């Protein structure tokens, strides 16, 4: 369902498939485990085209709240304009701002710059 890598100090988590309603908790748990292991690293969560769904967006929003609570910068990259709009409109604004990108390379390069400046 997902893969991950550490690129220049940035944890890049790619969600490949739609988790469906029943898979949301498991996906969030996997993301949470990865974030906790790499706690100081900024996170870029990538939604591949098959993973763009209401269930996946819900998981991303929950992951953002968790990262914000931990003080971890998180951004999202997806080619889906409707998913980007849903994420931007529904993101929690009480903590660290969720940044949503249409391009994965740009999201990683910005997160890398942030990690280098920190």
N, C-alpha and C. Protein backbone atom coordinates (compact mmCIF):
# COMPACT_ATOMS: atom_id res chain seq x y z
N UNK A 1 0.81 -1.19 0.00
CA UNK A 1 0.00 0.00 0.00
C UNK A 1 0.86 1.26 0.00
N UNK A 2 2.04 1.19 0.68
CA UNK A 2 2.90 2.36 0.67
C UNK A 2 4.36 1.95 0.62
N UNK A 3 5.18 2.92 0.27
CA UNK A 3 6.64 2.76 0.30
C UNK A 3 7.21 4.03 0.90
N UNK A 4 8.47 3.94 1.30
CA UNK A 4 9.10 5.13 1.88
C UNK A 4 10.58 5.14 1.57
N UNK A 5 11.15 6.34 1.65
CA UNK A 5 12.59 6.52 1.48
C UNK A 5 13.00 7.76 2.25
N UNK A 6 14.27 7.86 2.51
CA UNK A 6 14.82 9.05 3.14
C UNK A 6 15.68 9.73 2.09
N UNK A 7 15.26 10.90 1.65
CA UNK A 7 15.95 11.63 0.59
C UNK A 7 16.47 12.95 1.14
N UNK A 8 17.77 13.05 1.27
CA UNK A 8 18.42 14.29 1.73
C UNK A 8 17.81 14.81 3.03
N UNK A 9 17.56 13.90 3.96
CA UNK A 9 17.01 14.30 5.25
C UNK A 9 15.51 14.46 5.29
N UNK A 10 14.82 14.10 4.21
CA UNK A 10 13.36 14.22 4.13
C UNK A 10 12.76 12.82 4.03
N UNK A 11 11.80 12.52 4.89
CA UNK A 11 11.09 11.25 4.82
C UNK A 11 10.02 11.37 3.75
N UNK A 12 10.15 10.58 2.70
CA UNK A 12 9.18 10.59 1.60
C UNK A 12 8.37 9.30 1.68
N UNK A 13 7.08 9.46 1.94
CA UNK A 13 6.16 8.33 2.05
C UNK A 13 5.20 8.39 0.87
N UNK A 14 5.17 7.32 0.09
CA UNK A 14 4.30 7.28 -1.09
C UNK A 14 3.18 6.27 -0.86
N UNK A 15 1.96 6.76 -0.97
CA UNK A 15 0.77 5.91 -0.87
C UNK A 15 0.41 5.51 -2.29
N UNK A 16 0.47 4.21 -2.56
CA UNK A 16 0.28 3.72 -3.93
C UNK A 16 -1.17 3.36 -4.26
N UNK A 17 -1.93 2.94 -3.24
CA UNK A 17 -3.28 2.44 -3.50
C UNK A 17 -4.29 3.09 -2.56
N UNK A 18 -5.54 3.10 -2.99
CA UNK A 18 -6.64 3.60 -2.18
C UNK A 18 -6.80 2.66 -0.98
N UNK A 19 -6.73 3.20 0.25
CA UNK A 19 -6.88 2.33 1.41
C UNK A 19 -8.31 1.88 1.65
N UNK A 20 -9.27 2.59 1.05
CA UNK A 20 -10.66 2.29 1.31
C UNK A 20 -11.01 2.69 2.74
N UNK A 21 -12.27 2.67 3.04
CA UNK A 21 -12.73 3.06 4.38
C UNK A 21 -12.12 2.12 5.43
N UNK A 22 -12.10 0.84 5.15
CA UNK A 22 -11.61 -0.14 6.12
C UNK A 22 -10.11 -0.14 6.31
N UNK A 23 -9.37 0.46 5.37
CA UNK A 23 -7.91 0.46 5.46
C UNK A 23 -7.31 1.73 6.02
N UNK A 24 -8.15 2.71 6.35
CA UNK A 24 -7.64 3.99 6.83
C UNK A 24 -6.81 3.87 8.10
N UNK A 25 -7.30 3.13 9.07
CA UNK A 25 -6.60 3.02 10.36
C UNK A 25 -5.24 2.35 10.17
N UNK A 26 -5.19 1.31 9.36
CA UNK A 26 -3.92 0.61 9.14
C UNK A 26 -2.92 1.51 8.42
N UNK A 27 -3.38 2.26 7.43
CA UNK A 27 -2.50 3.17 6.70
C UNK A 27 -1.98 4.27 7.62
N UNK A 28 -2.86 4.84 8.43
CA UNK A 28 -2.43 5.88 9.36
C UNK A 28 -1.42 5.32 10.36
N UNK A 29 -1.61 4.11 10.81
CA UNK A 29 -0.67 3.49 11.75
C UNK A 29 0.70 3.31 11.11
N UNK A 30 0.73 2.89 9.85
CA UNK A 30 2.01 2.73 9.14
C UNK A 30 2.73 4.07 8.98
N UNK A 31 1.97 5.09 8.60
CA UNK A 31 2.55 6.43 8.46
C UNK A 31 3.05 6.93 9.81
N UNK A 32 2.26 6.75 10.84
CA UNK A 32 2.64 7.17 12.19
C UNK A 32 3.93 6.50 12.64
N UNK A 33 4.05 5.21 12.41
CA UNK A 33 5.27 4.49 12.78
C UNK A 33 6.49 5.07 12.07
N UNK A 34 6.36 5.34 10.79
CA UNK A 34 7.49 5.90 10.02
C UNK A 34 7.85 7.29 10.53
N UNK A 35 6.86 8.12 10.80
CA UNK A 35 7.12 9.48 11.28
C UNK A 35 7.80 9.43 12.65
N UNK A 36 7.36 8.55 13.51
CA UNK A 36 7.96 8.46 14.85
C UNK A 36 9.40 7.97 14.79
N UNK A 37 9.71 7.09 13.86
CA UNK A 37 11.09 6.60 13.72
C UNK A 37 12.00 7.72 13.22
N UNK A 38 11.51 8.54 12.30
CA UNK A 38 12.30 9.63 11.70
C UNK A 38 11.80 10.97 12.24
N UNK A 39 11.53 11.06 13.51
CA UNK A 39 10.81 12.18 14.12
C UNK A 39 11.33 13.57 13.74
N UNK A 40 12.61 13.73 13.57
CA UNK A 40 13.12 15.07 13.29
C UNK A 40 13.09 15.42 11.80
N UNK A 41 12.80 14.46 10.95
CA UNK A 41 12.82 14.71 9.50
C UNK A 41 11.50 15.29 9.01
N UNK A 42 11.57 16.29 8.12
CA UNK A 42 10.34 16.74 7.47
C UNK A 42 9.75 15.58 6.67
N UNK A 43 8.45 15.61 6.46
CA UNK A 43 7.75 14.52 5.77
C UNK A 43 7.10 15.06 4.51
N UNK A 44 7.27 14.33 3.41
CA UNK A 44 6.51 14.58 2.19
C UNK A 44 5.68 13.33 1.94
N UNK A 45 4.38 13.49 1.96
CA UNK A 45 3.47 12.39 1.71
C UNK A 45 2.99 12.50 0.26
N UNK A 46 3.26 11.49 -0.52
CA UNK A 46 2.93 11.48 -1.94
C UNK A 46 1.72 10.58 -2.16
N UNK A 47 0.70 11.12 -2.81
CA UNK A 47 -0.46 10.31 -3.19
C UNK A 47 -0.38 10.00 -4.67
N UNK A 48 -0.08 8.73 -4.99
CA UNK A 48 -0.10 8.30 -6.39
C UNK A 48 -1.55 8.37 -6.89
N UNK A 49 -1.71 8.41 -8.19
CA UNK A 49 -3.04 8.56 -8.79
C UNK A 49 -4.05 7.51 -8.30
N UNK A 50 -3.68 6.22 -8.20
CA UNK A 50 -4.68 5.25 -7.71
C UNK A 50 -5.06 5.46 -6.25
N UNK A 51 -4.25 6.20 -5.51
CA UNK A 51 -4.50 6.40 -4.08
C UNK A 51 -5.34 7.63 -3.78
N UNK A 52 -5.69 8.40 -4.79
CA UNK A 52 -6.43 9.64 -4.56
C UNK A 52 -7.91 9.29 -4.37
N UNK A 53 -8.34 9.37 -3.12
CA UNK A 53 -9.73 9.07 -2.77
C UNK A 53 -10.07 9.81 -1.49
N UNK A 54 -11.33 9.80 -1.15
CA UNK A 54 -11.73 10.42 0.11
C UNK A 54 -11.08 9.77 1.30
N UNK A 55 -10.93 8.45 1.25
CA UNK A 55 -10.30 7.73 2.36
C UNK A 55 -8.84 8.14 2.51
N UNK A 56 -8.12 8.25 1.40
CA UNK A 56 -6.71 8.63 1.45
C UNK A 56 -6.56 10.08 1.93
N UNK A 57 -7.42 10.96 1.45
CA UNK A 57 -7.37 12.36 1.89
C UNK A 57 -7.62 12.44 3.39
N UNK A 58 -8.55 11.65 3.89
CA UNK A 58 -8.82 11.61 5.32
C UNK A 58 -7.58 11.18 6.11
N UNK A 59 -6.88 10.18 5.63
CA UNK A 59 -5.66 9.71 6.29
C UNK A 59 -4.59 10.80 6.27
N UNK A 60 -4.45 11.48 5.14
CA UNK A 60 -3.45 12.56 5.04
C UNK A 60 -3.77 13.66 6.04
N UNK A 61 -5.02 14.04 6.16
CA UNK A 61 -5.40 15.10 7.10
C UNK A 61 -5.12 14.68 8.55
N UNK A 62 -5.38 13.43 8.86
CA UNK A 62 -5.07 12.93 10.21
C UNK A 62 -3.56 12.88 10.44
N UNK A 63 -2.82 12.46 9.43
CA UNK A 63 -1.36 12.42 9.55
C UNK A 63 -0.81 13.84 9.74
N UNK A 64 -1.41 14.81 9.07
CA UNK A 64 -0.97 16.20 9.22
C UNK A 64 -1.19 16.68 10.65
N UNK A 65 -2.34 16.36 11.23
CA UNK A 65 -2.60 16.75 12.62
C UNK A 65 -1.57 16.12 13.56
N UNK A 66 -1.24 14.85 13.32
CA UNK A 66 -0.25 14.17 14.14
C UNK A 66 1.12 14.84 13.99
N UNK A 67 1.53 15.10 12.75
CA UNK A 67 2.83 15.74 12.51
C UNK A 67 2.88 17.12 13.14
N UNK A 68 1.81 17.87 13.00
CA UNK A 68 1.75 19.20 13.58
C UNK A 68 1.90 19.12 15.10
N UNK A 69 1.23 18.16 15.70
CA UNK A 69 1.32 17.97 17.16
C UNK A 69 2.76 17.63 17.57
N UNK A 70 3.47 16.89 16.73
CA UNK A 70 4.86 16.50 17.02
C UNK A 70 5.86 17.59 16.64
N UNK A 71 5.39 18.64 15.97
CA UNK A 71 6.30 19.70 15.52
C UNK A 71 7.08 19.32 14.27
N UNK A 72 6.52 18.42 13.48
CA UNK A 72 7.17 17.93 12.26
C UNK A 72 6.51 18.59 11.05
N UNK A 73 7.32 19.18 10.19
CA UNK A 73 6.80 19.78 8.95
C UNK A 73 6.35 18.66 8.02
N UNK A 74 5.13 18.77 7.52
CA UNK A 74 4.61 17.78 6.57
C UNK A 74 4.03 18.51 5.38
N UNK A 75 4.35 18.00 4.20
CA UNK A 75 3.71 18.50 2.99
C UNK A 75 3.21 17.31 2.19
N UNK A 76 2.36 17.62 1.22
CA UNK A 76 1.74 16.59 0.39
C UNK A 76 2.00 16.91 -1.06
N UNK A 77 2.20 15.87 -1.85
CA UNK A 77 2.33 16.04 -3.29
C UNK A 77 1.38 15.07 -3.99
N UNK A 78 0.59 15.61 -4.89
CA UNK A 78 -0.30 14.80 -5.71
C UNK A 78 -0.59 15.54 -7.00
N UNK A 79 -0.74 14.79 -8.07
CA UNK A 79 -1.07 15.40 -9.36
C UNK A 79 -2.56 15.73 -9.46
N UNK A 80 -3.36 15.22 -8.54
CA UNK A 80 -4.80 15.41 -8.59
C UNK A 80 -5.20 16.78 -8.05
N UNK A 81 -5.68 17.64 -8.93
CA UNK A 81 -6.13 18.97 -8.51
C UNK A 81 -7.31 18.90 -7.53
N UNK A 82 -8.30 18.02 -7.76
CA UNK A 82 -9.39 17.93 -6.78
C UNK A 82 -8.90 17.50 -5.39
N UNK A 83 -7.96 16.58 -5.34
CA UNK A 83 -7.42 16.15 -4.04
C UNK A 83 -6.66 17.30 -3.37
N UNK A 84 -5.89 18.07 -4.15
CA UNK A 84 -5.16 19.21 -3.58
C UNK A 84 -6.14 20.22 -2.98
N UNK A 85 -7.22 20.48 -3.69
CA UNK A 85 -8.22 21.43 -3.18
C UNK A 85 -8.86 20.91 -1.89
N UNK A 86 -9.22 19.62 -1.85
CA UNK A 86 -9.79 19.04 -0.64
C UNK A 86 -8.84 19.15 0.53
N UNK A 87 -7.57 18.87 0.29
CA UNK A 87 -6.58 18.95 1.36
C UNK A 87 -6.42 20.38 1.86
N UNK A 88 -6.33 21.33 0.94
CA UNK A 88 -6.14 22.72 1.34
C UNK A 88 -7.35 23.25 2.12
N UNK A 89 -8.54 22.90 1.71
CA UNK A 89 -9.75 23.40 2.35
C UNK A 89 -9.95 22.77 3.73
N UNK A 90 -9.58 21.51 3.89
CA UNK A 90 -9.88 20.79 5.13
C UNK A 90 -8.70 20.66 6.09
N UNK A 91 -7.55 21.21 5.74
CA UNK A 91 -6.38 21.10 6.60
C UNK A 91 -6.58 21.85 7.91
N UNK A 92 -6.04 21.29 8.96
CA UNK A 92 -6.08 21.91 10.28
C UNK A 92 -5.19 23.15 10.24
N UNK A 93 -5.72 24.27 10.66
CA UNK A 93 -4.96 25.52 10.61
C UNK A 93 -4.45 25.96 11.98
N UNK A 94 -4.65 25.12 12.99
CA UNK A 94 -4.23 25.52 14.33
C UNK A 94 -2.77 25.22 14.63
N UNK A 95 -2.11 24.45 13.77
CA UNK A 95 -0.71 24.10 14.01
C UNK A 95 0.15 24.47 12.82
N UNK A 96 1.07 23.60 12.50
CA UNK A 96 1.96 23.81 11.35
C UNK A 96 1.13 23.68 10.08
N UNK A 97 1.28 24.64 9.21
CA UNK A 97 0.50 24.69 7.97
C UNK A 97 0.82 23.50 7.07
N UNK A 98 -0.21 22.91 6.48
CA UNK A 98 -0.04 21.85 5.49
C UNK A 98 0.21 22.51 4.14
N UNK A 99 1.32 22.16 3.53
CA UNK A 99 1.65 22.69 2.20
C UNK A 99 1.36 21.59 1.19
N UNK A 100 0.61 21.93 0.15
CA UNK A 100 0.18 20.95 -0.84
C UNK A 100 0.79 21.33 -2.18
N UNK A 101 1.47 20.36 -2.80
CA UNK A 101 2.16 20.58 -4.07
C UNK A 101 1.58 19.68 -5.16
N UNK A 102 1.71 20.11 -6.39
CA UNK A 102 1.32 19.30 -7.53
C UNK A 102 2.48 18.50 -8.07
N UNK A 103 3.69 18.78 -7.58
CA UNK A 103 4.89 18.14 -8.12
C UNK A 103 5.73 17.56 -6.97
N UNK A 104 6.05 16.29 -7.06
CA UNK A 104 6.80 15.61 -6.01
C UNK A 104 8.20 16.19 -5.85
N UNK A 105 8.91 16.40 -6.95
CA UNK A 105 10.27 16.91 -6.87
C UNK A 105 10.32 18.27 -6.18
N UNK A 106 9.36 19.12 -6.48
CA UNK A 106 9.31 20.44 -5.84
C UNK A 106 9.05 20.30 -4.34
N UNK A 107 8.14 19.43 -3.97
CA UNK A 107 7.84 19.22 -2.56
C UNK A 107 9.07 18.74 -1.80
N UNK A 108 9.80 17.81 -2.38
CA UNK A 108 11.00 17.27 -1.73
C UNK A 108 12.09 18.34 -1.65
N UNK A 109 12.27 19.12 -2.71
CA UNK A 109 13.33 20.13 -2.69
C UNK A 109 13.03 21.22 -1.66
N UNK A 110 11.79 21.62 -1.51
CA UNK A 110 11.42 22.62 -0.50
C UNK A 110 11.62 22.05 0.91
N UNK A 111 11.21 20.81 1.10
CA UNK A 111 11.40 20.17 2.42
C UNK A 111 12.88 19.98 2.73
N UNK A 112 13.68 19.69 1.71
CA UNK A 112 15.13 19.55 1.88
C UNK A 112 15.73 20.89 2.32
N UNK A 113 15.29 21.97 1.69
CA UNK A 113 15.78 23.29 2.05
C UNK A 113 15.40 23.62 3.49
N UNK A 114 14.19 23.26 3.87
CA UNK A 114 13.76 23.50 5.24
C UNK A 114 14.63 22.71 6.23
N UNK A 115 14.90 21.44 5.91
CA UNK A 115 15.70 20.59 6.78
C UNK A 115 17.12 21.15 6.92
N UNK A 116 17.66 21.68 5.83
CA UNK A 116 19.01 22.24 5.86
C UNK A 116 19.06 23.53 6.68
N UNK A 117 17.97 24.29 6.66
CA UNK A 117 17.94 25.56 7.40
C UNK A 117 17.70 25.36 8.89
N UNK A 118 17.13 24.22 9.23
CA UNK A 118 16.79 23.97 10.65
C UNK A 118 18.00 23.60 11.47
